[in-house]
């Protein structure tokens, strides 16, 4: 089974990214609460899509799950 890798990059870098080979598009990728970062993932080997892109964080599923629960990525809503 191939591994899914998750990375965080700046939203500015992601706007000009070639999204082919990735599991989402710019419109569908998860963005931080303040909109400055986005989460990108792929299965298998890293595509060359990220040439010239600064990667803020590289994670596996467990690490990604923990990061997505932080206040940078998740806002509690009142019900």
C-alpha atoms as a PDB file:
ATOM      1  CA  UNK A   1       0.000   0.000   0.000  1.00  0.00           C
ATOM      2  CA  UNK A   2       1.406   3.382  -0.980  1.00  0.00           C
ATOM      3  CA  UNK A   3       1.818   6.094   1.605  1.00  0.00           C
ATOM      4  CA  UNK A   4      -0.098   9.373   1.547  1.00  0.00           C
ATOM      5  CA  UNK A   5       2.092  12.385   2.337  1.00  0.00           C
ATOM      6  CA  UNK A   6       0.742  15.729   3.523  1.00  0.00           C
ATOM      7  CA  UNK A   7       2.536  19.049   3.293  1.00  0.00           C
ATOM      8  CA  UNK A   8       1.773  22.621   4.219  1.00  0.00           C
ATOM      9  CA  UNK A   9       2.751  25.360   1.793  1.00  0.00           C
ATOM     10  CA  UNK A  10       1.917  29.042   1.585  1.00  0.00           C
ATOM     11  CA  UNK A  11      -1.291  29.957  -0.176  1.00  0.00           C
ATOM     12  CA  UNK A  12       0.744  32.323  -2.348  1.00  0.00           C
ATOM     13  CA  UNK A  13       2.920  29.425  -3.593  1.00  0.00           C
ATOM     14  CA  UNK A  14      -0.136  27.216  -4.109  1.00  0.00           C
ATOM     15  CA  UNK A  15      -1.903  29.677  -6.411  1.00  0.00           C
ATOM     16  CA  UNK A  16       0.678  29.012  -9.152  1.00  0.00           C
ATOM     17  CA  UNK A  17       1.156  25.300  -8.462  1.00  0.00           C
ATOM     18  CA  UNK A  18       0.676  22.620 -11.114  1.00  0.00           C
ATOM     19  CA  UNK A  19      -1.964  20.522  -9.329  1.00  0.00           C
ATOM     20  CA  UNK A  20      -1.741  17.476 -11.610  1.00  0.00           C
ATOM     21  CA  UNK A  21      -0.797  14.365  -9.637  1.00  0.00           C
ATOM     22  CA  UNK A  22      -2.152  15.806  -6.390  1.00  0.00           C
ATOM     23  CA  UNK A  23      -5.254  14.699  -4.530  1.00  0.00           C
ATOM     24  CA  UNK A  24      -6.990  18.075  -4.666  1.00  0.00           C
ATOM     25  CA  UNK A  25      -7.128  21.406  -6.465  1.00  0.00           C
ATOM     26  CA  UNK A  26      -6.433  24.910  -5.191  1.00  0.00           C
ATOM     27  CA  UNK A  27     -10.157  25.404  -4.723  1.00  0.00           C
ATOM     28  CA  UNK A  28     -10.658  22.173  -2.785  1.00  0.00           C
ATOM     29  CA  UNK A  29      -7.517  22.085  -0.627  1.00  0.00           C
ATOM     30  CA  UNK A  30      -7.844  22.855   3.054  1.00  0.00           C
ATOM     31  CA  UNK A  31      -6.654  26.341   3.958  1.00  0.00           C
ATOM     32  CA  UNK A  32      -5.611  27.702   7.331  1.00  0.00           C
ATOM     33  CA  UNK A  33      -8.019  29.880   9.308  1.00  0.00           C
ATOM     34  CA  UNK A  34      -6.164  33.037   8.242  1.00  0.00           C
ATOM     35  CA  UNK A  35      -5.879  31.831   4.624  1.00  0.00           C
ATOM     36  CA  UNK A  36      -2.071  32.047   4.463  1.00  0.00           C
ATOM     37  CA  UNK A  37      -1.333  28.296   4.289  1.00  0.00           C
ATOM     38  CA  UNK A  38      -2.834  25.312   2.537  1.00  0.00           C
ATOM     39  CA  UNK A  39      -2.650  21.549   2.970  1.00  0.00           C
ATOM     40  CA  UNK A  40      -1.662  19.448  -0.032  1.00  0.00           C
ATOM     41  CA  UNK A  41      -1.390  15.662  -0.278  1.00  0.00           C
ATOM     42  CA  UNK A  42      -0.388  12.934  -2.718  1.00  0.00           C
ATOM     43  CA  UNK A  43       0.034   9.179  -2.777  1.00  0.00           C
ATOM     44  CA  UNK A  44       3.388   7.552  -3.512  1.00  0.00           C
ATOM     45  CA  UNK A  45       6.460   9.460  -4.610  1.00  0.00           C
ATOM     46  CA  UNK A  46       6.573  13.241  -4.362  1.00  0.00           C
ATOM     47  CA  UNK A  47       5.628  14.820  -7.700  1.00  0.00           C
ATOM     48  CA  UNK A  48       7.988  17.446  -9.159  1.00  0.00           C
ATOM     49  CA  UNK A  49       5.121  19.932  -8.771  1.00  0.00           C
ATOM     50  CA  UNK A  50       6.897  21.513  -5.809  1.00  0.00           C
ATOM     51  CA  UNK A  51      10.043  22.757  -7.555  1.00  0.00           C
ATOM     52  CA  UNK A  52      10.705  26.248  -6.203  1.00  0.00           C
ATOM     53  CA  UNK A  53       8.013  25.947  -3.504  1.00  0.00           C
ATOM     54  CA  UNK A  54       8.873  26.394   0.169  1.00  0.00           C
ATOM     55  CA  UNK A  55       7.450  23.495   2.159  1.00  0.00           C
ATOM     56  CA  UNK A  56       6.478  24.604   5.667  1.00  0.00           C
ATOM     57  CA  UNK A  57       5.828  21.118   7.073  1.00  0.00           C
ATOM     58  CA  UNK A  58       5.857  17.499   5.816  1.00  0.00           C
ATOM     59  CA  UNK A  59       3.644  15.029   7.677  1.00  0.00           C
ATOM     60  CA  UNK A  60       2.118  11.581   7.728  1.00  0.00           C
ATOM     61  CA  UNK A  61      -1.592  11.104   8.530  1.00  0.00           C
ATOM     62  CA  UNK A  62      -1.167  11.063  12.320  1.00  0.00           C
ATOM     63  CA  UNK A  63       0.880  14.274  12.348  1.00  0.00           C
ATOM     64  CA  UNK A  64      -1.489  15.953   9.895  1.00  0.00           C
ATOM     65  CA  UNK A  65      -4.507  15.061  12.035  1.00  0.00           C
ATOM     66  CA  UNK A  66      -2.858  16.682  15.069  1.00  0.00           C
ATOM     67  CA  UNK A  67      -1.874  19.828  13.164  1.00  0.00           C
ATOM     68  CA  UNK A  68      -5.361  20.227  11.664  1.00  0.00           C
ATOM     69  CA  UNK A  69      -6.803  20.289  15.211  1.00  0.00           C
ATOM     70  CA  UNK A  70      -4.767  23.391  16.153  1.00  0.00           C
ATOM     71  CA  UNK A  71      -6.158  26.928  16.178  1.00  0.00           C
ATOM     72  CA  UNK A  72      -4.247  27.751  12.970  1.00  0.00           C
ATOM     73  CA  UNK A  73      -6.439  25.259  11.097  1.00  0.00           C
ATOM     74  CA  UNK A  74      -9.621  24.840  13.113  1.00  0.00           C
ATOM     75  CA  UNK A  75     -12.107  27.298  14.558  1.00  0.00           C
ATOM     76  CA  UNK A  76     -14.721  26.162  17.027  1.00  0.00           C
ATOM     77  CA  UNK A  77     -18.207  27.154  15.965  1.00  0.00           C
ATOM     78  CA  UNK A  78     -21.000  27.943  18.321  1.00  0.00           C
ATOM     79  CA  UNK A  79     -24.015  25.707  18.002  1.00  0.00           C
END
